[in-house]
PDB file of all heavy atoms in Angstrom:
ATOM      1  N   GLN A   1      -0.724  -6.210  -9.459  1.00  0.00           N
ATOM      2  CA  GLN A   1      -0.694  -5.990  -8.014  1.00  0.00           C
ATOM      3  C   GLN A   1       0.596  -6.533  -7.405  1.00  0.00           C
ATOM      4  O   GLN A   1       1.231  -5.884  -6.573  1.00  0.00           O
ATOM      5  CB  GLN A   1      -1.902  -6.665  -7.361  1.00  0.00           C
ATOM      6  CG  GLN A   1      -3.234  -6.026  -7.723  1.00  0.00           C
ATOM      7  CD  GLN A   1      -4.403  -6.795  -7.139  1.00  0.00           C
ATOM      8  OE1 GLN A   1      -4.252  -7.892  -6.605  1.00  0.00           O
ATOM      9  NE2 GLN A   1      -5.605  -6.225  -7.248  1.00  0.00           N
ATOM     10  N   MET A   2       1.001  -7.734  -7.832  1.00  0.00           N
ATOM     11  CA  MET A   2       2.192  -8.357  -7.264  1.00  0.00           C
ATOM     12  C   MET A   2       3.463  -7.616  -7.693  1.00  0.00           C
ATOM     13  O   MET A   2       4.429  -7.554  -6.920  1.00  0.00           O
ATOM     14  CB  MET A   2       2.277  -9.830  -7.688  1.00  0.00           C
ATOM     15  CG  MET A   2       1.320 -10.735  -6.929  1.00  0.00           C
ATOM     16  SD  MET A   2       1.608 -10.700  -5.139  1.00  0.00           S
ATOM     17  CE  MET A   2       3.292 -11.296  -5.032  1.00  0.00           C
ATOM     18  N   ARG A   3       3.472  -7.045  -8.896  1.00  0.00           N
ATOM     19  CA  ARG A   3       4.624  -6.228  -9.298  1.00  0.00           C
ATOM     20  C   ARG A   3       4.815  -5.069  -8.332  1.00  0.00           C
ATOM     21  O   ARG A   3       5.925  -4.763  -7.908  1.00  0.00           O
ATOM     22  CB  ARG A   3       4.422  -5.681 -10.718  1.00  0.00           C
ATOM     23  CG  ARG A   3       4.775  -6.631 -11.822  1.00  0.00           C
ATOM     24  CD  ARG A   3       5.165  -5.893 -13.094  1.00  0.00           C
ATOM     25  NE  ARG A   3       4.219  -4.880 -13.491  1.00  0.00           N
ATOM     26  CZ  ARG A   3       3.200  -5.063 -14.310  1.00  0.00           C
ATOM     27  NH1 ARG A   3       2.992  -6.260 -14.824  1.00  0.00           N
ATOM     28  NH2 ARG A   3       2.396  -4.071 -14.644  1.00  0.00           N
ATOM     29  N   THR A   4       3.697  -4.441  -7.970  1.00  0.00           N
ATOM     30  CA  THR A   4       3.753  -3.336  -7.017  1.00  0.00           C
ATOM     31  C   THR A   4       4.267  -3.806  -5.666  1.00  0.00           C
ATOM     32  O   THR A   4       5.091  -3.129  -5.025  1.00  0.00           O
ATOM     33  CB  THR A   4       2.363  -2.705  -6.847  1.00  0.00           C
ATOM     34  OG1 THR A   4       1.881  -2.266  -8.126  1.00  0.00           O
ATOM     35  CG2 THR A   4       2.409  -1.520  -5.904  1.00  0.00           C
ATOM     36  N   GLU A   5       3.812  -4.990  -5.230  1.00  0.00           N
ATOM     37  CA  GLU A   5       4.251  -5.529  -3.944  1.00  0.00           C
ATOM     38  C   GLU A   5       5.752  -5.829  -3.946  1.00  0.00           C
ATOM     39  O   GLU A   5       6.450  -5.607  -2.953  1.00  0.00           O
ATOM     40  CB  GLU A   5       3.468  -6.800  -3.606  1.00  0.00           C
ATOM     41  CG  GLU A   5       1.980  -6.588  -3.365  1.00  0.00           C
ATOM     42  CD  GLU A   5       1.721  -5.626  -2.221  1.00  0.00           C
ATOM     43  OE1 GLU A   5       2.446  -5.683  -1.212  1.00  0.00           O
ATOM     44  OE2 GLU A   5       0.790  -4.805  -2.349  1.00  0.00           O
ATOM     45  N   ILE A   6       6.261  -6.346  -5.067  1.00  0.00           N
ATOM     46  CA  ILE A   6       7.686  -6.660  -5.146  1.00  0.00           C
ATOM     47  C   ILE A   6       8.519  -5.381  -5.119  1.00  0.00           C
ATOM     48  O   ILE A   6       9.594  -5.332  -4.503  1.00  0.00           O
ATOM     49  CB  ILE A   6       7.970  -7.494  -6.418  1.00  0.00           C
ATOM     50  CG1 ILE A   6       7.359  -8.886  -6.268  1.00  0.00           C
ATOM     51  CG2 ILE A   6       9.480  -7.612  -6.659  1.00  0.00           C
ATOM     52  CD1 ILE A   6       7.432  -9.736  -7.512  1.00  0.00           C
ATOM     53  N   ILE A   7       8.028  -4.328  -5.781  1.00  0.00           N
ATOM     54  CA  ILE A   7       8.733  -3.038  -5.751  1.00  0.00           C
ATOM     55  C   ILE A   7       8.808  -2.519  -4.316  1.00  0.00           C
ATOM     56  O   ILE A   7       9.856  -2.029  -3.856  1.00  0.00           O
ATOM     57  CB  ILE A   7       8.027  -2.007  -6.666  1.00  0.00           C
ATOM     58  CG1 ILE A   7       8.188  -2.413  -8.134  1.00  0.00           C
ATOM     59  CG2 ILE A   7       8.608  -0.604  -6.453  1.00  0.00           C
ATOM     60  CD1 ILE A   7       7.359  -1.598  -9.087  1.00  0.00           C
ATOM     61  N   LYS A   8       7.702  -2.616  -3.579  1.00  0.00           N
ATOM     62  CA  LYS A   8       7.699  -2.186  -2.183  1.00  0.00           C
ATOM     63  C   LYS A   8       8.640  -3.044  -1.348  1.00  0.00           C
ATOM     64  O   LYS A   8       9.373  -2.539  -0.488  1.00  0.00           O
ATOM     65  CB  LYS A   8       6.279  -2.278  -1.612  1.00  0.00           C
ATOM     66  CG  LYS A   8       5.281  -1.294  -2.201  1.00  0.00           C
ATOM     67  CD  LYS A   8       3.899  -1.526  -1.589  1.00  0.00           C
ATOM     68  CE  LYS A   8       2.853  -0.600  -2.177  1.00  0.00           C
ATOM     69  NZ  LYS A   8       1.491  -0.885  -1.635  1.00  0.00           N
ATOM     70  N   LEU A   9       8.628  -4.354  -1.625  1.00  0.00           N
ATOM     71  CA  LEU A   9       9.434  -5.296  -0.850  1.00  0.00           C
ATOM     72  C   LEU A   9      10.919  -4.994  -0.973  1.00  0.00           C
ATOM     73  O   LEU A   9      11.650  -5.005   0.028  1.00  0.00           O
ATOM     74  CB  LEU A   9       9.152  -6.722  -1.332  1.00  0.00           C
ATOM     75  CG  LEU A   9       9.994  -7.833  -0.701  1.00  0.00           C
ATOM     76  CD1 LEU A   9       9.676  -7.956   0.777  1.00  0.00           C
ATOM     77  CD2 LEU A   9       9.754  -9.158  -1.421  1.00  0.00           C
ATOM     78  N   ARG A  10      11.386  -4.691  -2.181  1.00  0.00           N
ATOM     79  CA  ARG A  10      12.832  -4.502  -2.367  1.00  0.00           C
ATOM     80  C   ARG A  10      13.351  -3.291  -1.596  1.00  0.00           C
ATOM     81  O   ARG A  10      14.542  -3.211  -1.292  1.00  0.00           O
ATOM     82  CB  ARG A  10      13.196  -4.414  -3.841  1.00  0.00           C
ATOM     83  CG  ARG A  10      12.708  -3.226  -4.670  1.00  0.00           C
ATOM     84  CD  ARG A  10      13.519  -1.971  -4.563  1.00  0.00           C
ATOM     85  NE  ARG A  10      14.934  -2.145  -4.681  1.00  0.00           N
ATOM     86  CZ  ARG A  10      15.614  -1.923  -5.801  1.00  0.00           C
ATOM     87  NH1 ARG A  10      14.980  -1.559  -6.885  1.00  0.00           N
ATOM     88  NH2 ARG A  10      16.922  -2.027  -5.803  1.00  0.00           N
ATOM     89  N   HIS A  11      12.459  -2.353  -1.262  1.00  0.00           N
ATOM     90  CA  HIS A  11      12.881  -1.192  -0.482  1.00  0.00           C
ATOM     91  C   HIS A  11      12.834  -1.456   1.026  1.00  0.00           C
ATOM     92  O   HIS A  11      13.309  -0.646   1.816  1.00  0.00           O
ATOM     93  CB  HIS A  11      12.009   0.015  -0.814  1.00  0.00           C
ATOM     94  CG  HIS A  11      12.197   0.530  -2.206  1.00  0.00           C
ATOM     95  ND1 HIS A  11      13.386   1.040  -2.663  1.00  0.00           N
ATOM     96  CD2 HIS A  11      11.341   0.591  -3.267  1.00  0.00           C
ATOM     97  CE1 HIS A  11      13.265   1.404  -3.926  1.00  0.00           C
ATOM     98  NE2 HIS A  11      12.045   1.141  -4.324  1.00  0.00           N
ATOM     99  N   ARG A  12      12.256  -2.611   1.398  1.00  0.00           N
ATOM    100  CA  ARG A  12      12.117  -2.905   2.826  1.00  0.00           C
ATOM    101  C   ARG A  12      13.096  -3.968   3.312  1.00  0.00           C
ATOM    102  O   ARG A  12      13.248  -4.157   4.517  1.00  0.00           O
ATOM    103  CB  ARG A  12      10.682  -3.346   3.129  1.00  0.00           C
ATOM    104  CG  ARG A  12       9.648  -2.272   2.834  1.00  0.00           C
ATOM    105  CD  ARG A  12       8.264  -2.661   3.309  1.00  0.00           C
ATOM    106  NE  ARG A  12       8.170  -2.779   4.745  1.00  0.00           N
ATOM    107  CZ  ARG A  12       7.039  -3.025   5.407  1.00  0.00           C
ATOM    108  NH1 ARG A  12       5.903  -3.176   4.721  1.00  0.00           N
ATOM    109  NH2 ARG A  12       7.037  -3.120   6.718  1.00  0.00           N
ATOM    110  N   ILE A  13      13.742  -4.676   2.391  1.00  0.00           N
ATOM    111  CA  ILE A  13      14.697  -5.697   2.818  1.00  0.00           C
ATOM    112  C   ILE A  13      16.055  -5.406   2.180  1.00  0.00           C
ATOM    113  O   ILE A  13      16.130  -4.905   1.055  1.00  0.00           O
ATOM    114  CB  ILE A  13      14.221  -7.123   2.474  1.00  0.00           C
ATOM    115  CG1 ILE A  13      14.102  -7.322   0.959  1.00  0.00           C
ATOM    116  CG2 ILE A  13      12.896  -7.421   3.143  1.00  0.00           C
ATOM    117  CD1 ILE A  13      13.746  -8.741   0.557  1.00  0.00           C
ATOM    118  N   ASN A  14      17.109  -5.704   2.893  1.00  0.00           N
ATOM    119  CA  ASN A  14      18.464  -5.414   2.441  1.00  0.00           C
ATOM    120  C   ASN A  14      19.056  -6.626   1.739  1.00  0.00           C
ATOM    121  O   ASN A  14      19.789  -7.417   2.336  1.00  0.00           O
ATOM    122  CB  ASN A  14      19.349  -5.001   3.621  1.00  0.00           C
ATOM    123  CG  ASN A  14      18.891  -3.707   4.253  1.00  0.00           C
ATOM    124  OD1 ASN A  14      18.494  -2.781   3.548  1.00  0.00           O
ATOM    125  ND2 ASN A  14      18.936  -3.646   5.575  1.00  0.00           N
ATOM    126  N   THR A  15      18.707  -6.783   0.478  1.00  0.00           N
ATOM    127  CA  THR A  15      19.226  -7.914  -0.270  1.00  0.00           C
ATOM    128  C   THR A  15      19.361  -7.535  -1.740  1.00  0.00           C
ATOM    129  O   THR A  15      18.798  -6.535  -2.201  1.00  0.00           O
ATOM    130  CB  THR A  15      18.324  -9.152  -0.117  1.00  0.00           C
ATOM    131  OG1 THR A  15      18.981 -10.300  -0.633  1.00  0.00           O
ATOM    132  CG2 THR A  15      17.006  -8.962  -0.849  1.00  0.00           C
ATOM    133  N   THR A  16      20.096  -8.346  -2.469  1.00  0.00           N
ATOM    134  CA  THR A  16      20.281  -8.169  -3.906  1.00  0.00           C
ATOM    135  C   THR A  16      19.277  -9.062  -4.632  1.00  0.00           C
ATOM    136  O   THR A  16      19.129 -10.236  -4.281  1.00  0.00           O
ATOM    137  CB  THR A  16      21.720  -8.543  -4.310  1.00  0.00           C
ATOM    138  OG1 THR A  16      22.638  -7.723  -3.577  1.00  0.00           O
ATOM    139  CG2 THR A  16      21.943  -8.346  -5.791  1.00  0.00           C
ATOM    140  N   PHE A  17      18.601  -8.511  -5.622  1.00  0.00           N
ATOM    141  CA  PHE A  17      17.575  -9.256  -6.358  1.00  0.00           C
ATOM    142  C   PHE A  17      18.092  -9.613  -7.756  1.00  0.00           C
ATOM    143  O   PHE A  17      18.636  -8.768  -8.462  1.00  0.00           O
ATOM    144  CB  PHE A  17      16.306  -8.421  -6.536  1.00  0.00           C
ATOM    145  CG  PHE A  17      15.431  -8.329  -5.323  1.00  0.00           C
ATOM    146  CD1 PHE A  17      15.791  -7.525  -4.250  1.00  0.00           C
ATOM    147  CD2 PHE A  17      14.237  -9.026  -5.245  1.00  0.00           C
ATOM    148  CE1 PHE A  17      14.980  -7.416  -3.132  1.00  0.00           C
ATOM    149  CE2 PHE A  17      13.423  -8.929  -4.137  1.00  0.00           C
ATOM    150  CZ  PHE A  17      13.794  -8.118  -3.071  1.00  0.00           C
ATOM    151  N   ILE A  18      17.876 -10.862  -8.145  1.00  0.00           N
ATOM    152  CA  ILE A  18      18.051 -11.267  -9.547  1.00  0.00           C
ATOM    153  C   ILE A  18      16.741 -11.917  -9.973  1.00  0.00           C
ATOM    154  O   ILE A  18      16.328 -12.930  -9.401  1.00  0.00           O
ATOM    155  CB  ILE A  18      19.221 -12.241  -9.742  1.00  0.00           C
ATOM    156  CG1 ILE A  18      20.505 -11.677  -9.132  1.00  0.00           C
ATOM    157  CG2 ILE A  18      19.424 -12.525 -11.231  1.00  0.00           C
ATOM    158  CD1 ILE A  18      21.699 -12.613  -9.257  1.00  0.00           C
ATOM    159  N   TYR A  19      16.101 -11.319 -10.947  1.00  0.00           N
ATOM    160  CA  TYR A  19      14.729 -11.666 -11.315  1.00  0.00           C
ATOM    161  C   TYR A  19      14.698 -12.086 -12.779  1.00  0.00           C
ATOM    162  O   TYR A  19      15.249 -11.390 -13.641  1.00  0.00           O
ATOM    163  CB  TYR A  19      13.851 -10.430 -11.088  1.00  0.00           C
ATOM    164  CG  TYR A  19      12.363 -10.609 -11.230  1.00  0.00           C
ATOM    165  CD1 TYR A  19      11.546 -10.671 -10.101  1.00  0.00           C
ATOM    166  CD2 TYR A  19      11.748 -10.661 -12.473  1.00  0.00           C
ATOM    167  CE1 TYR A  19      10.169 -10.802 -10.212  1.00  0.00           C
ATOM    168  CE2 TYR A  19      10.374 -10.789 -12.594  1.00  0.00           C
ATOM    169  CZ  TYR A  19       9.590 -10.860 -11.470  1.00  0.00           C
ATOM    170  OH  TYR A  19       8.221 -10.986 -11.585  1.00  0.00           O
ATOM    171  N   VAL A  20      14.066 -13.203 -13.068  1.00  0.00           N
ATOM    172  CA  VAL A  20      13.967 -13.709 -14.437  1.00  0.00           C
ATOM    173  C   VAL A  20      12.520 -13.609 -14.924  1.00  0.00           C
ATOM    174  O   VAL A  20      11.587 -13.961 -14.189  1.00  0.00           O
ATOM    175  CB  VAL A  20      14.443 -15.178 -14.508  1.00  0.00           C
ATOM    176  CG1 VAL A  20      13.899 -15.867 -15.755  1.00  0.00           C
ATOM    177  CG2 VAL A  20      15.957 -15.231 -14.524  1.00  0.00           C
ATOM    178  N   THR A  21      12.348 -13.116 -16.146  1.00  0.00           N
ATOM    179  CA  THR A  21      11.014 -13.041 -16.728  1.00  0.00           C
ATOM    180  C   THR A  21      11.122 -13.011 -18.243  1.00  0.00           C
ATOM    181  O   THR A  21      12.153 -12.634 -18.799  1.00  0.00           O
ATOM    182  CB  THR A  21      10.256 -11.785 -16.238  1.00  0.00           C
ATOM    183  OG1 THR A  21       8.947 -11.769 -16.809  1.00  0.00           O
ATOM    184  CG2 THR A  21      10.984 -10.509 -16.653  1.00  0.00           C
ATOM    185  N   HIS A  22      10.046 -13.422 -18.915  1.00  0.00           N
ATOM    186  CA  HIS A  22       9.957 -13.237 -20.370  1.00  0.00           C
ATOM    187  C   HIS A  22       9.074 -12.039 -20.690  1.00  0.00           C
ATOM    188  O   HIS A  22       8.924 -11.662 -21.848  1.00  0.00           O
ATOM    189  CB  HIS A  22       9.381 -14.489 -21.044  1.00  0.00           C
ATOM    190  CG  HIS A  22       7.961 -14.777 -20.644  1.00  0.00           C
ATOM    191  ND1 HIS A  22       7.634 -15.506 -19.529  1.00  0.00           N
ATOM    192  CD2 HIS A  22       6.781 -14.393 -21.195  1.00  0.00           C
ATOM    193  CE1 HIS A  22       6.316 -15.580 -19.422  1.00  0.00           C
ATOM    194  NE2 HIS A  22       5.775 -14.915 -20.407  1.00  0.00           N
ATOM    195  N   ASP A  23       8.484 -11.454 -19.645  1.00  0.00           N
ATOM    196  CA  ASP A  23       7.554 -10.331 -19.798  1.00  0.00           C
ATOM    197  C   ASP A  23       8.331  -9.020 -19.706  1.00  0.00           C
ATOM    198  O   ASP A  23       8.805  -8.643 -18.637  1.00  0.00           O
ATOM    199  CB  ASP A  23       6.492 -10.407 -18.690  1.00  0.00           C
ATOM    200  CG  ASP A  23       5.406  -9.356 -18.837  1.00  0.00           C
ATOM    201  OD1 ASP A  23       5.661  -8.310 -19.472  1.00  0.00           O
ATOM    202  OD2 ASP A  23       4.306  -9.562 -18.310  1.00  0.00           O
ATOM    203  N   GLN A  24       8.451  -8.311 -20.829  1.00  0.00           N
ATOM    204  CA  GLN A  24       9.254  -7.092 -20.811  1.00  0.00           C
ATOM    205  C   GLN A  24       8.601  -5.980 -20.001  1.00  0.00           C
ATOM    206  O   GLN A  24       9.283  -5.077 -19.525  1.00  0.00           O
ATOM    207  CB  GLN A  24       9.548  -6.620 -22.242  1.00  0.00           C
ATOM    208  CG  GLN A  24       8.338  -6.426 -23.102  1.00  0.00           C
ATOM    209  CD  GLN A  24       8.067  -4.967 -23.382  1.00  0.00           C
ATOM    210  OE1 GLN A  24       8.716  -4.090 -22.852  1.00  0.00           O
ATOM    211  NE2 GLN A  24       7.094  -4.717 -24.209  1.00  0.00           N
ATOM    212  N   THR A  25       7.278  -6.043 -19.769  1.00  0.00           N
ATOM    213  CA  THR A  25       6.633  -5.059 -18.899  1.00  0.00           C
ATOM    214  C   THR A  25       7.138  -5.215 -17.468  1.00  0.00           C
ATOM    215  O   THR A  25       7.427  -4.229 -16.779  1.00  0.00           O
ATOM    216  CB  THR A  25       5.105  -5.211 -18.935  1.00  0.00           C
ATOM    217  OG1 THR A  25       4.650  -5.032 -20.278  1.00  0.00           O
ATOM    218  CG2 THR A  25       4.434  -4.172 -18.041  1.00  0.00           C
ATOM    219  N   GLU A  26       7.271  -6.456 -16.995  1.00  0.00           N
ATOM    220  CA  GLU A  26       7.839  -6.701 -15.671  1.00  0.00           C
ATOM    221  C   GLU A  26       9.276  -6.199 -15.604  1.00  0.00           C
ATOM    222  O   GLU A  26       9.684  -5.561 -14.626  1.00  0.00           O
ATOM    223  CB  GLU A  26       7.816  -8.208 -15.351  1.00  0.00           C
ATOM    224  CG  GLU A  26       6.454  -8.751 -14.980  1.00  0.00           C
ATOM    225  CD  GLU A  26       6.511 -10.228 -14.640  1.00  0.00           C
ATOM    226  OE1 GLU A  26       7.570 -10.698 -14.177  1.00  0.00           O
ATOM    227  OE2 GLU A  26       5.499 -10.917 -14.851  1.00  0.00           O
ATOM    228  N   ALA A  27      10.033  -6.466 -16.656  1.00  0.00           N
ATOM    229  CA  ALA A  27      11.434  -6.039 -16.674  1.00  0.00           C
ATOM    230  C   ALA A  27      11.545  -4.521 -16.583  1.00  0.00           C
ATOM    231  O   ALA A  27      12.353  -3.992 -15.812  1.00  0.00           O
ATOM    232  CB  ALA A  27      12.114  -6.539 -17.955  1.00  0.00           C
ATOM    233  N   MET A  28      10.728  -3.808 -17.346  1.00  0.00           N
ATOM    234  CA  MET A  28      10.811  -2.350 -17.391  1.00  0.00           C
ATOM    235  C   MET A  28      10.380  -1.721 -16.074  1.00  0.00           C
ATOM    236  O   MET A  28      10.918  -0.688 -15.658  1.00  0.00           O
ATOM    237  CB  MET A  28       9.948  -1.812 -18.528  1.00  0.00           C
ATOM    238  CG  MET A  28      10.410  -2.227 -19.920  1.00  0.00           C
ATOM    239  SD  MET A  28      11.922  -1.410 -20.427  1.00  0.00           S
ATOM    240  CE  MET A  28      11.308   0.211 -20.857  1.00  0.00           C
TER     241      MET A  28
END
C-alpha cells in the first residue's frame, strides 16, 4: 500500500527522490 502511495506522491510534489532499499521489488 505504501509503495503505491509513494508512487502517487512523487507525481504530486516537485522534488528529486533518492530512495534506498534492499528489497528489489521496491526498486523495480
